[in-house]
Protein backbone atom coordinates (compact mmCIF):
# COMPACT_ATOMS: atom_id res chain seq x y z
CA UNK A 1 -4.83 0.29 16.40
CA UNK A 2 -3.74 -3.26 15.60
CA UNK A 3 -4.74 -5.01 12.42
CA UNK A 4 -7.54 -7.54 12.95
CA UNK A 5 -7.46 -11.16 11.83
CA UNK A 6 -10.27 -10.38 9.38
CA UNK A 7 -8.26 -7.58 7.81
CA UNK A 8 -5.13 -9.73 7.69
CA UNK A 9 -7.05 -12.51 5.94
CA UNK A 10 -8.59 -10.08 3.47
CA UNK A 11 -5.15 -8.66 2.64
CA UNK A 12 -3.76 -12.17 2.06
CA UNK A 13 -6.74 -13.09 -0.13
CA UNK A 14 -6.33 -9.87 -2.11
CA UNK A 15 -2.62 -10.52 -2.69
CA UNK A 16 -3.23 -14.10 -3.81
CA UNK A 17 -6.17 -13.16 -6.04
CA UNK A 18 -4.25 -10.35 -7.72
CA UNK A 19 -1.33 -12.71 -8.34
CA UNK A 20 -3.59 -15.27 -10.03
CA UNK A 21 -5.49 -12.65 -12.04
CA UNK A 22 -2.20 -11.29 -13.39
CA UNK A 23 -0.98 -14.79 -14.24
CA UNK A 24 -4.22 -15.70 -15.99
CA UNK A 25 -3.97 -12.53 -18.08
CA UNK A 26 -0.73 -13.88 -19.57
CA UNK A 27 -2.38 -17.01 -20.97
CA UNK A 28 -5.57 -16.25 -22.90
CA UNK A 29 -6.46 -19.94 -23.23
CA UNK A 30 -6.96 -20.42 -19.47
CA UNK A 31 -10.33 -21.40 -18.15
CA UNK A 32 -12.67 -18.42 -17.85
CA UNK A 33 -14.15 -19.96 -14.70
CA UNK A 34 -10.78 -19.63 -12.96
CA UNK A 35 -10.50 -16.00 -13.99
CA UNK A 36 -14.04 -15.26 -12.78
CA UNK A 37 -13.38 -17.05 -9.51
CA UNK A 38 -10.24 -15.04 -8.73
CA UNK A 39 -11.96 -11.80 -9.75
CA UNK A 40 -14.77 -12.58 -7.30
CA UNK A 41 -12.24 -13.40 -4.55
CA UNK A 42 -10.54 -10.07 -5.27
CA UNK A 43 -13.85 -8.20 -5.11
CA UNK A 44 -14.80 -9.88 -1.82
CA UNK A 45 -11.41 -9.05 -0.30
CA UNK A 46 -11.73 -5.40 -1.36
CA UNK A 47 -15.23 -5.24 0.15
CA UNK A 48 -13.94 -6.69 3.41
CA UNK A 49 -11.04 -4.23 3.53
CA UNK A 50 -13.50 -1.37 2.93
CA UNK A 51 -15.60 -2.58 5.86
CA UNK A 52 -12.51 -2.82 8.08
CA UNK A 53 -11.50 0.70 7.11
CA UNK A 54 -14.96 2.09 7.88
CA UNK A 55 -15.08 0.28 11.21
CA UNK A 56 -11.66 1.64 12.14
CA UNK A 57 -12.76 5.17 11.19
CA UNK A 58 -15.90 4.90 13.30
CA UNK A 59 -13.86 3.92 16.36
CA UNK A 60 -11.54 6.92 16.15
């Protein structure tokens, strides 16, 4: 089964969010709002990927 656009977007968002979260960990004086934002993007991407996985499993 091909990857959907939703899943592709969630994977890109997850990769970008994890990159920023790792970078913000290196500098403790960064804005906590930025860190919280990227953590929420990461959580939303993981939720979307879980939904895509469950949908794919239900179609098999």
